[in-house]
Structures are given as C-alpha cells and as structure tokens.
C-alpha cells in the first residue's frame, strides 16, 4: 500500500465506561467522518479489550492529518464529547502511538 501510513495507538477508558463508549461510537457525527476523509484517513478501526482500546489507521500522512483535525470543529466537538471517558497516558494526550513490528499483506494481482 504505497503512499499510505499504517498507524496504531492505544487509548484507555475505565472498564465501567465500556458500554457508554460503544454507544457513543454508534452515533459518530457524519461531519467528523467527512473530516477524516478530507485529511487523508482511508481506514480507521478501534478494538476494545476491557478498558484498553487499540486503534488502527491507514492514512496518507498521520502528522498532517492530526494537525488538520486539531482545528476542525467536528473533531473539537467529538474530543470534548469523549473527554469524560478517555484516560490520559501522559499530561497532554489520551493516545499513545505504538510501533509496528510486523506486517504481512497478500497482494492480489
């Protein structure tokens, strides 16, 4: 997949917030999804294990996409909406990017 970065990160919620976290993701603002497309996010998945969230994103340029989203009104609203559930990994972020150590793809031609 040339020209696309694969990025994974972890987030944390209290396990007691699990059902609410899932419920909120059943109603993601369509404006936010459009903003994802506009900043080059091609695919974004979140997996839940207890209170630990594993996110995987395929994006043209992760740093650029995050910078663009930081000022986007729909993203600001979403971040505020989710802030009561997410636990910070360190002072200024709820997410921690984790490195890829293995990747396999079977290209069909």
PDB file of N, CA and C in Angstrom:
ATOM      1  N   UNK A   1       0.847  -1.170   0.000  1.00  0.00           N
ATOM      2  CA  UNK A   1       0.000   0.000   0.000  1.00  0.00           C
ATOM      3  C   UNK A   1       0.894   1.235   0.000  1.00  0.00           C
ATOM      4  N   UNK A   2       1.413   1.624  -1.131  1.00  0.00           N
ATOM      5  CA  UNK A   2       2.336   2.746  -1.189  1.00  0.00           C
ATOM      6  C   UNK A   2       1.606   4.058  -0.952  1.00  0.00           C
ATOM      7  N   UNK A   3       2.316   4.988  -0.316  1.00  0.00           N
ATOM      8  CA  UNK A   3       1.743   6.298  -0.051  1.00  0.00           C
ATOM      9  C   UNK A   3       0.791   6.329   1.126  1.00  0.00           C
ATOM     10  N   UNK A   4       0.680   5.234   1.849  1.00  0.00           N
ATOM     11  CA  UNK A   4      -0.226   5.186   2.997  1.00  0.00           C
ATOM     12  C   UNK A   4       0.548   4.712   4.217  1.00  0.00           C
ATOM     13  N   UNK A   5       0.388   5.437   5.314  1.00  0.00           N
ATOM     14  CA  UNK A   5       0.998   5.023   6.576  1.00  0.00           C
ATOM     15  C   UNK A   5       0.004   4.173   7.349  1.00  0.00           C
ATOM     16  N   UNK A   6       0.512   3.144   7.995  1.00  0.00           N
ATOM     17  CA  UNK A   6      -0.283   2.341   8.925  1.00  0.00           C
ATOM     18  C   UNK A   6       0.123   2.785  10.318  1.00  0.00           C
ATOM     19  N   UNK A   7      -0.822   3.269  11.087  1.00  0.00           N
ATOM     20  CA  UNK A   7      -0.531   3.790  12.419  1.00  0.00           C
ATOM     21  C   UNK A   7      -1.447   3.101  13.417  1.00  0.00           C
ATOM     22  N   UNK A   8      -0.866   2.714  14.543  1.00  0.00           N
ATOM     23  CA  UNK A   8      -1.656   2.108  15.600  1.00  0.00           C
ATOM     24  C   UNK A   8      -1.384   2.854  16.888  1.00  0.00           C
ATOM     25  N   UNK A   9      -2.393   2.951  17.710  1.00  0.00           N
ATOM     26  CA  UNK A   9      -2.207   3.599  19.001  1.00  0.00           C
ATOM     27  C   UNK A   9      -3.158   2.995  20.016  1.00  0.00           C
ATOM     28  N   UNK A  10      -2.838   3.209  21.280  1.00  0.00           N
ATOM     29  CA  UNK A  10      -3.670   2.708  22.364  1.00  0.00           C
ATOM     30  C   UNK A  10      -4.281   3.883  23.104  1.00  0.00           C
ATOM     31  N   UNK A  11      -5.470   3.642  23.600  1.00  0.00           N
ATOM     32  CA  UNK A  11      -6.182   4.581  24.453  1.00  0.00           C
ATOM     33  C   UNK A  11      -6.709   3.786  25.629  1.00  0.00           C
ATOM     34  N   UNK A  12      -7.153   4.473  26.654  1.00  0.00           N
ATOM     35  CA  UNK A  12      -7.628   3.779  27.847  1.00  0.00           C
ATOM     36  C   UNK A  12      -8.915   4.423  28.349  1.00  0.00           C
ATOM     37  N   UNK A  13      -9.859   3.576  28.752  1.00  0.00           N
ATOM     38  CA  UNK A  13     -11.056   4.029  29.443  1.00  0.00           C
ATOM     39  C   UNK A  13     -11.206   3.171  30.695  1.00  0.00           C
ATOM     40  N   UNK A  14     -11.999   3.629  31.617  1.00  0.00           N
ATOM     41  CA  UNK A  14     -12.350   2.807  32.769  1.00  0.00           C
ATOM     42  C   UNK A  14     -13.290   1.722  32.243  1.00  0.00           C
ATOM     43  N   UNK A  15     -13.081   0.485  32.683  1.00  0.00           N
ATOM     44  CA  UNK A  15     -13.923  -0.615  32.186  1.00  0.00           C
ATOM     45  C   UNK A  15     -15.407  -0.376  32.427  1.00  0.00           C
ATOM     46  N   UNK A  16     -15.748   0.380  33.457  1.00  0.00           N
ATOM     47  CA  UNK A  16     -17.159   0.662  33.738  1.00  0.00           C
ATOM     48  C   UNK A  16     -17.775   1.573  32.675  1.00  0.00           C
ATOM     49  N   UNK A  17     -16.942   2.215  31.851  1.00  0.00           N
ATOM     50  CA  UNK A  17     -17.422   3.105  30.786  1.00  0.00           C
ATOM     51  C   UNK A  17     -17.581   2.387  29.456  1.00  0.00           C
ATOM     52  N   UNK A  18     -17.306   1.109  29.439  1.00  0.00           N
ATOM     53  CA  UNK A  18     -17.295   0.323  28.200  1.00  0.00           C
ATOM     54  C   UNK A  18     -18.582   0.456  27.374  1.00  0.00           C
ATOM     55  N   UNK A  19     -19.728   0.232  27.991  1.00  0.00           N
ATOM     56  CA  UNK A  19     -20.996   0.297  27.249  1.00  0.00           C
ATOM     57  C   UNK A  19     -21.260   1.703  26.710  1.00  0.00           C
ATOM     58  N   UNK A  20     -20.927   2.706  27.495  1.00  0.00           N
ATOM     59  CA  UNK A  20     -21.129   4.090  27.048  1.00  0.00           C
ATOM     60  C   UNK A  20     -20.195   4.420  25.893  1.00  0.00           C
ATOM     61  N   UNK A  21     -18.959   3.950  25.959  1.00  0.00           N
ATOM     62  CA  UNK A  21     -18.004   4.187  24.876  1.00  0.00           C
ATOM     63  C   UNK A  21     -18.530   3.579  23.567  1.00  0.00           C
ATOM     64  N   UNK A  22     -19.016   2.358  23.652  1.00  0.00           N
ATOM     65  CA  UNK A  22     -19.574   1.692  22.474  1.00  0.00           C
ATOM     66  C   UNK A  22     -20.804   2.456  21.968  1.00  0.00           C
ATOM     67  N   UNK A  23     -21.694   2.847  22.877  1.00  0.00           N
ATOM     68  CA  UNK A  23     -22.913   3.571  22.494  1.00  0.00           C
ATOM     69  C   UNK A  23     -22.569   4.853  21.738  1.00  0.00           C
ATOM     70  N   UNK A  24     -21.600   5.606  22.241  1.00  0.00           N
ATOM     71  CA  UNK A  24     -21.236   6.865  21.589  1.00  0.00           C
ATOM     72  C   UNK A  24     -20.673   6.630  20.192  1.00  0.00           C
ATOM     73  N   UNK A  25     -19.992   5.531  19.993  1.00  0.00           N
ATOM     74  CA  UNK A  25     -19.434   5.259  18.668  1.00  0.00           C
ATOM     75  C   UNK A  25     -20.477   4.721  17.685  1.00  0.00           C
ATOM     76  N   UNK A  26     -21.669   4.475  18.161  1.00  0.00           N
ATOM     77  CA  UNK A  26     -22.763   4.107  17.258  1.00  0.00           C
ATOM     78  C   UNK A  26     -23.397   5.340  16.633  1.00  0.00           C
ATOM     79  N   UNK A  27     -22.966   6.534  17.085  1.00  0.00           N
ATOM     80  CA  UNK A  27     -23.557   7.769  16.570  1.00  0.00           C
ATOM     81  C   UNK A  27     -22.490   8.825  16.290  1.00  0.00           C
ATOM     82  N   UNK A  28     -21.431   8.423  15.605  1.00  0.00           N
ATOM     83  CA  UNK A  28     -20.367   9.359  15.242  1.00  0.00           C
ATOM     84  C   UNK A  28     -20.926  10.379  14.254  1.00  0.00           C
ATOM     85  N   UNK A  29     -20.610  11.634  14.504  1.00  0.00           N
ATOM     86  CA  UNK A  29     -21.061  12.750  13.675  1.00  0.00           C
ATOM     87  C   UNK A  29     -20.584  12.572  12.232  1.00  0.00           C
ATOM     88  N   UNK A  30     -21.488  12.580  11.251  1.00  0.00           N
ATOM     89  CA  UNK A  30     -21.080  12.457   9.840  1.00  0.00           C
ATOM     90  C   UNK A  30     -20.088  13.546   9.419  1.00  0.00           C
ATOM     91  N   UNK A  31     -20.158  14.724  10.041  1.00  0.00           N
ATOM     92  CA  UNK A  31     -19.186  15.778   9.732  1.00  0.00           C
ATOM     93  C   UNK A  31     -17.778  15.355  10.134  1.00  0.00           C
ATOM     94  N   UNK A  32     -17.649  14.612  11.221  1.00  0.00           N
ATOM     95  CA  UNK A  32     -16.341  14.117  11.645  1.00  0.00           C
ATOM     96  C   UNK A  32     -15.821  13.088  10.648  1.00  0.00           C
ATOM     97  N   UNK A  33     -16.682  12.200  10.206  1.00  0.00           N
ATOM     98  CA  UNK A  33     -16.270  11.201   9.221  1.00  0.00           C
ATOM     99  C   UNK A  33     -15.829  11.871   7.919  1.00  0.00           C
ATOM    100  N   UNK A  34     -16.523  12.922   7.528  1.00  0.00           N
ATOM    101  CA  UNK A  34     -16.130  13.677   6.334  1.00  0.00           C
ATOM    102  C   UNK A  34     -14.775  14.346   6.549  1.00  0.00           C
ATOM    103  N   UNK A  35     -14.551  14.877   7.745  1.00  0.00           N
ATOM    104  CA  UNK A  35     -13.254  15.493   8.060  1.00  0.00           C
ATOM    105  C   UNK A  35     -12.139  14.457   7.968  1.00  0.00           C
ATOM    106  N   UNK A  36     -12.402  13.225   8.426  1.00  0.00           N
ATOM    107  CA  UNK A  36     -11.416  12.151   8.297  1.00  0.00           C
ATOM    108  C   UNK A  36     -11.027  11.970   6.830  1.00  0.00           C
ATOM    109  N   UNK A  37     -12.022  11.904   5.958  1.00  0.00           N
ATOM    110  CA  UNK A  37     -11.752  11.733   4.523  1.00  0.00           C
ATOM    111  C   UNK A  37     -10.909  12.891   4.001  1.00  0.00           C
ATOM    112  N   UNK A  38     -11.283  14.101   4.381  1.00  0.00           N
ATOM    113  CA  UNK A  38     -10.616  15.296   3.869  1.00  0.00           C
ATOM    114  C   UNK A  38      -9.152  15.389   4.283  1.00  0.00           C
ATOM    115  N   UNK A  39      -8.789  14.847   5.441  1.00  0.00           N
ATOM    116  CA  UNK A  39      -7.388  14.918   5.886  1.00  0.00           C
ATOM    117  C   UNK A  39      -6.582  13.686   5.467  1.00  0.00           C
ATOM    118  N   UNK A  40      -7.204  12.776   4.716  1.00  0.00           N
ATOM    119  CA  UNK A  40      -6.473  11.642   4.158  1.00  0.00           C
ATOM    120  C   UNK A  40      -6.555  10.350   4.945  1.00  0.00           C
ATOM    121  N   UNK A  41      -7.483  10.255   5.887  1.00  0.00           N
ATOM    122  CA  UNK A  41      -7.661   8.995   6.602  1.00  0.00           C
ATOM    123  C   UNK A  41      -8.493   8.078   5.717  1.00  0.00           C
ATOM    124  N   UNK A  42      -7.932   6.933   5.378  1.00  0.00           N
ATOM    125  CA  UNK A  42      -8.608   5.994   4.482  1.00  0.00           C
ATOM    126  C   UNK A  42      -9.347   4.904   5.235  1.00  0.00           C
ATOM    127  N   UNK A  43      -8.831   4.560   6.411  1.00  0.00           N
ATOM    128  CA  UNK A  43      -9.425   3.490   7.204  1.00  0.00           C
ATOM    129  C   UNK A  43      -9.097   3.760   8.664  1.00  0.00           C
ATOM    130  N   UNK A  44     -10.057   3.511   9.549  1.00  0.00           N
ATOM    131  CA  UNK A  44      -9.829   3.744  10.976  1.00  0.00           C
ATOM    132  C   UNK A  44     -10.675   2.750  11.750  1.00  0.00           C
ATOM    133  N   UNK A  45     -10.024   1.911  12.555  1.00  0.00           N
ATOM    134  CA  UNK A  45     -10.721   0.909  13.356  1.00  0.00           C
ATOM    135  C   UNK A  45     -10.299   1.046  14.811  1.00  0.00           C
ATOM    136  N   UNK A  46     -11.227   0.753  15.712  1.00  0.00           N
ATOM    137  CA  UNK A  46     -10.931   0.730  17.136  1.00  0.00           C
ATOM    138  C   UNK A  46     -11.393  -0.619  17.676  1.00  0.00           C
ATOM    139  N   UNK A  47     -10.517  -1.281  18.428  1.00  0.00           N
ATOM    140  CA  UNK A  47     -10.807  -2.571  19.041  1.00  0.00           C
ATOM    141  C   UNK A  47     -10.773  -2.385  20.550  1.00  0.00           C
ATOM    142  N   UNK A  48     -11.688  -3.033  21.253  1.00  0.00           N
ATOM    143  CA  UNK A  48     -11.824  -2.851  22.694  1.00  0.00           C
ATOM    144  C   UNK A  48     -11.531  -4.150  23.438  1.00  0.00           C
ATOM    145  N   UNK A  49     -10.644  -4.063  24.433  1.00  0.00           N
ATOM    146  CA  UNK A  49     -10.293  -5.202  25.271  1.00  0.00           C
ATOM    147  C   UNK A  49     -10.327  -4.717  26.715  1.00  0.00           C
ATOM    148  N   UNK A  50     -11.400  -5.030  27.428  1.00  0.00           N
ATOM    149  CA  UNK A  50     -11.562  -4.486  28.774  1.00  0.00           C
ATOM    150  C   UNK A  50     -11.691  -2.979  28.679  1.00  0.00           C
ATOM    151  N   UNK A  51     -10.755  -2.266  29.287  1.00  0.00           N
ATOM    152  CA  UNK A  51     -10.737  -0.815  29.186  1.00  0.00           C
ATOM    153  C   UNK A  51      -9.676  -0.305  28.240  1.00  0.00           C
ATOM    154  N   UNK A  52      -8.957  -1.211  27.592  1.00  0.00           N
ATOM    155  CA  UNK A  52      -7.899  -0.817  26.675  1.00  0.00           C
ATOM    156  C   UNK A  52      -8.427  -0.793  25.248  1.00  0.00           C
ATOM    157  N   UNK A  53      -8.158   0.283  24.552  1.00  0.00           N
ATOM    158  CA  UNK A  53      -8.580   0.454  23.167  1.00  0.00           C
ATOM    159  C   UNK A  53      -7.365   0.407  22.260  1.00  0.00           C
ATOM    160  N   UNK A  54      -7.445  -0.391  21.216  1.00  0.00           N
ATOM    161  CA  UNK A  54      -6.395  -0.469  20.213  1.00  0.00           C
ATOM    162  C   UNK A  54      -6.966   0.131  18.931  1.00  0.00           C
ATOM    163  N   UNK A  55      -6.330   1.164  18.444  1.00  0.00           N
ATOM    164  CA  UNK A  55      -6.800   1.822  17.227  1.00  0.00           C
ATOM    165  C   UNK A  55      -5.809   1.570  16.101  1.00  0.00           C
ATOM    166  N   UNK A  56      -6.338   1.416  14.898  1.00  0.00           N
ATOM    167  CA  UNK A  56      -5.526   1.200  13.702  1.00  0.00           C
ATOM    168  C   UNK A  56      -6.040   2.122  12.618  1.00  0.00           C
ATOM    169  N   UNK A  57      -5.117   2.822  11.993  1.00  0.00           N
ATOM    170  CA  UNK A  57      -5.489   3.803  10.978  1.00  0.00           C
ATOM    171  C   UNK A  57      -4.594   3.654   9.757  1.00  0.00           C
ATOM    172  N   UNK A  58      -5.192   3.778   8.594  1.00  0.00           N
ATOM    173  CA  UNK A  58      -4.438   3.904   7.352  1.00  0.00           C
ATOM    174  C   UNK A  58      -4.679   5.324   6.875  1.00  0.00           C
ATOM    175  N   UNK A  59      -3.579   6.065   6.720  1.00  0.00           N
ATOM    176  CA  UNK A  59      -3.678   7.500   6.477  1.00  0.00           C
ATOM    177  C   UNK A  59      -2.530   7.935   5.574  1.00  0.00           C
ATOM    178  N   UNK A  60      -2.780   8.935   4.760  1.00  0.00           N
ATOM    179  CA  UNK A  60      -1.749   9.426   3.844  1.00  0.00           C
ATOM    180  C   UNK A  60      -0.571  10.021   4.615  1.00  0.00           C
ATOM    181  N   UNK A  61      -0.829  10.836   5.637  1.00  0.00           N
ATOM    182  CA  UNK A  61       0.226  11.471   6.435  1.00  0.00           C
ATOM    183  C   UNK A  61      -0.343  11.712   7.830  1.00  0.00           C
ATOM    184  N   UNK A  62       0.026  10.856   8.775  1.00  0.00           N
ATOM    185  CA  UNK A  62      -0.542  10.890  10.123  1.00  0.00           C
ATOM    186  C   UNK A  62      -0.347  12.241  10.809  1.00  0.00           C
ATOM    187  N   UNK A  63       0.887  12.738  10.811  1.00  0.00           N
ATOM    188  CA  UNK A  63       1.172  14.021  11.480  1.00  0.00           C
ATOM    189  C   UNK A  63       0.312  15.143  10.886  1.00  0.00           C
ATOM    190  N   UNK A  64       0.251  15.201   9.580  1.00  0.00           N
ATOM    191  CA  UNK A  64      -0.546  16.230   8.900  1.00  0.00           C
ATOM    192  C   UNK A  64      -2.031  16.069   9.234  1.00  0.00           C
ATOM    193  N   UNK A  65      -2.522  14.846   9.186  1.00  0.00           N
ATOM    194  CA  UNK A  65      -3.939  14.597   9.459  1.00  0.00           C
ATOM    195  C   UNK A  65      -4.299  15.035  10.877  1.00  0.00           C
ATOM    196  N   UNK A  66      -3.456  14.693  11.859  1.00  0.00           N
ATOM    197  CA  UNK A  66      -3.740  15.061  13.247  1.00  0.00           C
ATOM    198  C   UNK A  66      -3.703  16.581  13.428  1.00  0.00           C
ATOM    199  N   UNK A  67      -2.750  17.237  12.760  1.00  0.00           N
ATOM    200  CA  UNK A  67      -2.657  18.696  12.841  1.00  0.00           C
ATOM    201  C   UNK A  67      -3.902  19.351  12.244  1.00  0.00           C
ATOM    202  N   UNK A  68      -4.335  18.850  11.093  1.00  0.00           N
ATOM    203  CA  UNK A  68      -5.527  19.404  10.440  1.00  0.00           C
ATOM    204  C   UNK A  68      -6.782  19.164  11.285  1.00  0.00           C
ATOM    205  N   UNK A  69      -6.902  17.973  11.848  1.00  0.00           N
ATOM    206  CA  UNK A  69      -8.079  17.653  12.653  1.00  0.00           C
ATOM    207  C   UNK A  69      -8.144  18.477  13.940  1.00  0.00           C
ATOM    208  N   UNK A  70      -6.994  18.857  14.473  1.00  0.00           N
ATOM    209  CA  UNK A  70      -6.972  19.553  15.760  1.00  0.00           C
ATOM    210  C   UNK A  70      -7.772  20.860  15.738  1.00  0.00           C
ATOM    211  N   UNK A  71      -7.902  21.487  14.576  1.00  0.00           N
ATOM    212  CA  UNK A  71      -8.670  22.728  14.480  1.00  0.00           C
ATOM    213  C   UNK A  71     -10.025  22.567  13.819  1.00  0.00           C
ATOM    214  N   UNK A  72     -10.383  21.354  13.473  1.00  0.00           N
ATOM    215  CA  UNK A  72     -11.637  21.090  12.757  1.00  0.00           C
ATOM    216  C   UNK A  72     -12.794  21.054  13.764  1.00  0.00           C
ATOM    217  N   UNK A  73     -13.839  21.881  13.569  1.00  0.00           N
ATOM    218  CA  UNK A  73     -14.937  21.972  14.543  1.00  0.00           C
ATOM    219  C   UNK A  73     -15.586  20.638  14.923  1.00  0.00           C
ATOM    220  N   UNK A  74     -15.830  19.757  13.965  1.00  0.00           N
ATOM    221  CA  UNK A  74     -16.471  18.470  14.293  1.00  0.00           C
ATOM    222  C   UNK A  74     -15.552  17.631  15.179  1.00  0.00           C
ATOM    223  N   UNK A  75     -14.257  17.682  14.939  1.00  0.00           N
ATOM    224  CA  UNK A  75     -13.309  16.934  15.771  1.00  0.00           C
ATOM    225  C   UNK A  75     -13.219  17.537  17.173  1.00  0.00           C
ATOM    226  N   UNK A  76     -13.220  18.845  17.263  1.00  0.00           N
ATOM    227  CA  UNK A  76     -13.186  19.504  18.575  1.00  0.00           C
ATOM    228  C   UNK A  76     -14.410  19.096  19.393  1.00  0.00           C
ATOM    229  N   UNK A  77     -15.582  19.110  18.756  1.00  0.00           N
ATOM    230  CA  UNK A  77     -16.813  18.695  19.453  1.00  0.00           C
ATOM    231  C   UNK A  77     -16.712  17.239  19.910  1.00  0.00           C
ATOM    232  N   UNK A  78     -16.195  16.359  19.033  1.00  0.00           N
ATOM    233  CA  UNK A  78     -16.078  14.937  19.371  1.00  0.00           C
ATOM    234  C   UNK A  78     -15.111  14.744  20.528  1.00  0.00           C
ATOM    235  N   UNK A  79     -13.980  15.400  20.486  1.00  0.00           N
ATOM    236  CA  UNK A  79     -12.993  15.266  21.560  1.00  0.00           C
ATOM    237  C   UNK A  79     -13.577  15.717  22.896  1.00  0.00           C
ATOM    238  N   UNK A  80     -14.332  16.795  22.880  1.00  0.00           N
ATOM    239  CA  UNK A  80     -14.982  17.268  24.111  1.00  0.00           C
ATOM    240  C   UNK A  80     -16.029  16.257  24.584  1.00  0.00           C
ATOM    241  N   UNK A  81     -16.782  15.698  23.649  1.00  0.00           N
ATOM    242  CA  UNK A  81     -17.821  14.714  23.950  1.00  0.00           C
ATOM    243  C   UNK A  81     -17.235  13.452  24.580  1.00  0.00           C
ATOM    244  N   UNK A  82     -16.035  13.065  24.142  1.00  0.00           N
ATOM    245  CA  UNK A  82     -15.409  11.827  24.621  1.00  0.00           C
ATOM    246  C   UNK A  82     -14.469  12.040  25.807  1.00  0.00           C
ATOM    247  N   UNK A  83     -14.160  13.269  26.143  1.00  0.00           N
ATOM    248  CA  UNK A  83     -13.125  13.557  27.141  1.00  0.00           C
ATOM    249  C   UNK A  83     -13.428  12.989  28.527  1.00  0.00           C
ATOM    250  N   UNK A  84     -14.699  12.841  28.867  1.00  0.00           N
ATOM    251  CA  UNK A  84     -15.022  12.294  30.189  1.00  0.00           C
ATOM    252  C   UNK A  84     -14.773  10.785  30.283  1.00  0.00           C
ATOM    253  N   UNK A  85     -14.579  10.117  29.154  1.00  0.00           N
ATOM    254  CA  UNK A  85     -14.354   8.665  29.164  1.00  0.00           C
ATOM    255  C   UNK A  85     -12.885   8.283  29.028  1.00  0.00           C
ATOM    256  N   UNK A  86     -12.115   9.086  28.297  1.00  0.00           N
ATOM    257  CA  UNK A  86     -10.731   8.720  27.995  1.00  0.00           C
ATOM    258  C   UNK A  86      -9.779   9.107  29.123  1.00  0.00           C
ATOM    259  N   UNK A  87      -8.861   8.200  29.434  1.00  0.00           N
ATOM    260  CA  UNK A  87      -7.849   8.412  30.462  1.00  0.00           C
ATOM    261  C   UNK A  87      -6.562   8.840  29.770  1.00  0.00           C
ATOM    262  N   UNK A  88      -5.934   9.885  30.270  1.00  0.00           N
ATOM    263  CA  UNK A  88      -4.699  10.385  29.663  1.00  0.00           C
ATOM    264  C   UNK A  88      -3.530   9.453  29.969  1.00  0.00           C
ATOM    265  N   UNK A  89      -2.701   9.195  28.928  1.00  0.00           N
ATOM    266  CA  UNK A  89      -1.480   8.402  29.091  1.00  0.00           C
ATOM    267  C   UNK A  89      -0.384   9.250  29.717  1.00  0.00           C
ATOM    268  N   UNK A  90      -0.369  10.525  29.361  1.00  0.00           N
ATOM    269  CA  UNK A  90       0.543  11.490  29.963  1.00  0.00           C
ATOM    270  C   UNK A  90      -0.154  12.841  29.922  1.00  0.00           C
ATOM    271  N   UNK A  91       0.496  13.873  30.378  1.00  0.00           N
ATOM    272  CA  UNK A  91      -0.149  15.176  30.585  1.00  0.00           C
ATOM    273  C   UNK A  91      -1.018  15.690  29.458  1.00  0.00           C
ATOM    274  N   UNK A  92      -0.566  15.552  28.221  1.00  0.00           N
ATOM    275  CA  UNK A  92      -1.267  16.230  27.137  1.00  0.00           C
ATOM    276  C   UNK A  92      -1.915  15.320  26.101  1.00  0.00           C
ATOM    277  N   UNK A  93      -1.998  14.025  26.346  1.00  0.00           N
ATOM    278  CA  UNK A  93      -2.581  13.168  25.319  1.00  0.00           C
ATOM    279  C   UNK A  93      -3.256  11.933  25.907  1.00  0.00           C
ATOM    280  N   UNK A  94      -4.380  11.574  25.280  1.00  0.00           N
ATOM    281  CA  UNK A  94      -5.074  10.349  25.659  1.00  0.00           C
ATOM    282  C   UNK A  94      -4.613   9.175  24.803  1.00  0.00           C
ATOM    283  N   UNK A  95      -3.830   9.449  23.749  1.00  0.00           N
ATOM    284  CA  UNK A  95      -3.381   8.353  22.897  1.00  0.00           C
ATOM    285  C   UNK A  95      -1.878   8.186  22.954  1.00  0.00           C
ATOM    286  N   UNK A  96      -1.450   6.968  22.753  1.00  0.00           N
ATOM    287  CA  UNK A  96      -0.028   6.625  22.731  1.00  0.00           C
ATOM    288  C   UNK A  96       0.210   5.808  21.467  1.00  0.00           C
ATOM    289  N   UNK A  97       0.962   6.387  20.520  1.00  0.00           N
ATOM    290  CA  UNK A  97       1.271   5.676  19.280  1.00  0.00           C
ATOM    291  C   UNK A  97       2.191   4.511  19.606  1.00  0.00           C
ATOM    292  N   UNK A  98       1.896   3.355  19.009  1.00  0.00           N
ATOM    293  CA  UNK A  98       2.725   2.172  19.222  1.00  0.00           C
ATOM    294  C   UNK A  98       3.350   1.750  17.889  1.00  0.00           C
ATOM    295  N   UNK A  99       4.598   1.288  17.929  1.00  0.00           N
ATOM    296  CA  UNK A  99       5.298   0.968  16.678  1.00  0.00           C
ATOM    297  C   UNK A  99       4.833  -0.348  16.067  1.00  0.00           C
ATOM    298  N   UNK A 100       4.876  -0.390  14.763  1.00  0.00           N
ATOM    299  CA  UNK A 100       4.591  -1.624  14.037  1.00  0.00           C
ATOM    300  C   UNK A 100       5.848  -2.480  14.036  1.00  0.00           C
ATOM    301  N   UNK A 101       5.726  -3.733  14.411  1.00  0.00           N
ATOM    302  CA  UNK A 101       6.882  -4.630  14.414  1.00  0.00           C
ATOM    303  C   UNK A 101       6.751  -5.759  13.389  1.00  0.00           C
ATOM    304  N   UNK A 102       5.562  -5.916  12.815  1.00  0.00           N
ATOM    305  CA  UNK A 102       5.376  -6.946  11.788  1.00  0.00           C
ATOM    306  C   UNK A 102       4.191  -6.556  10.931  1.00  0.00           C
ATOM    307  N   UNK A 103       4.315  -6.795   9.635  1.00  0.00           N
ATOM    308  CA  UNK A 103       3.209  -6.538   8.717  1.00  0.00           C
ATOM    309  C   UNK A 103       3.274  -7.575   7.607  1.00  0.00           C
ATOM    310  N   UNK A 104       2.148  -8.141   7.274  1.00  0.00           N
ATOM    311  CA  UNK A 104       2.028  -9.069   6.154  1.00  0.00           C
ATOM    312  C   UNK A 104       0.857  -8.629   5.310  1.00  0.00           C
ATOM    313  N   UNK A 105       1.032  -8.651   4.027  1.00  0.00           N
ATOM    314  CA  UNK A 105      -0.070  -8.419   3.123  1.00  0.00           C
ATOM    315  C   UNK A 105       0.060  -9.381   1.955  1.00  0.00           C
ATOM    316  N   UNK A 106      -1.043  -9.839   1.477  1.00  0.00           N
ATOM    317  CA  UNK A 106      -1.058 -10.723   0.329  1.00  0.00           C
ATOM    318  C   UNK A 106      -1.696  -9.969  -0.818  1.00  0.00           C
ATOM    319  N   UNK A 107      -0.866  -9.435  -1.663  1.00  0.00           N
ATOM    320  CA  UNK A 107      -1.358  -8.635  -2.782  1.00  0.00           C
ATOM    321  C   UNK A 107      -1.970  -9.540  -3.845  1.00  0.00           C
ATOM    322  N   UNK A 108      -3.160  -9.188  -4.263  1.00  0.00           N
ATOM    323  CA  UNK A 108      -3.857  -9.923  -5.316  1.00  0.00           C
ATOM    324  C   UNK A 108      -3.706  -9.105  -6.589  1.00  0.00           C
ATOM    325  N   UNK A 109      -3.145  -9.731  -7.615  1.00  0.00           N
ATOM    326  CA  UNK A 109      -2.948  -9.010  -8.876  1.00  0.00           C
ATOM    327  C   UNK A 109      -3.707  -9.639  -9.984  1.00  0.00           C
TER     328      UNK A 109
END
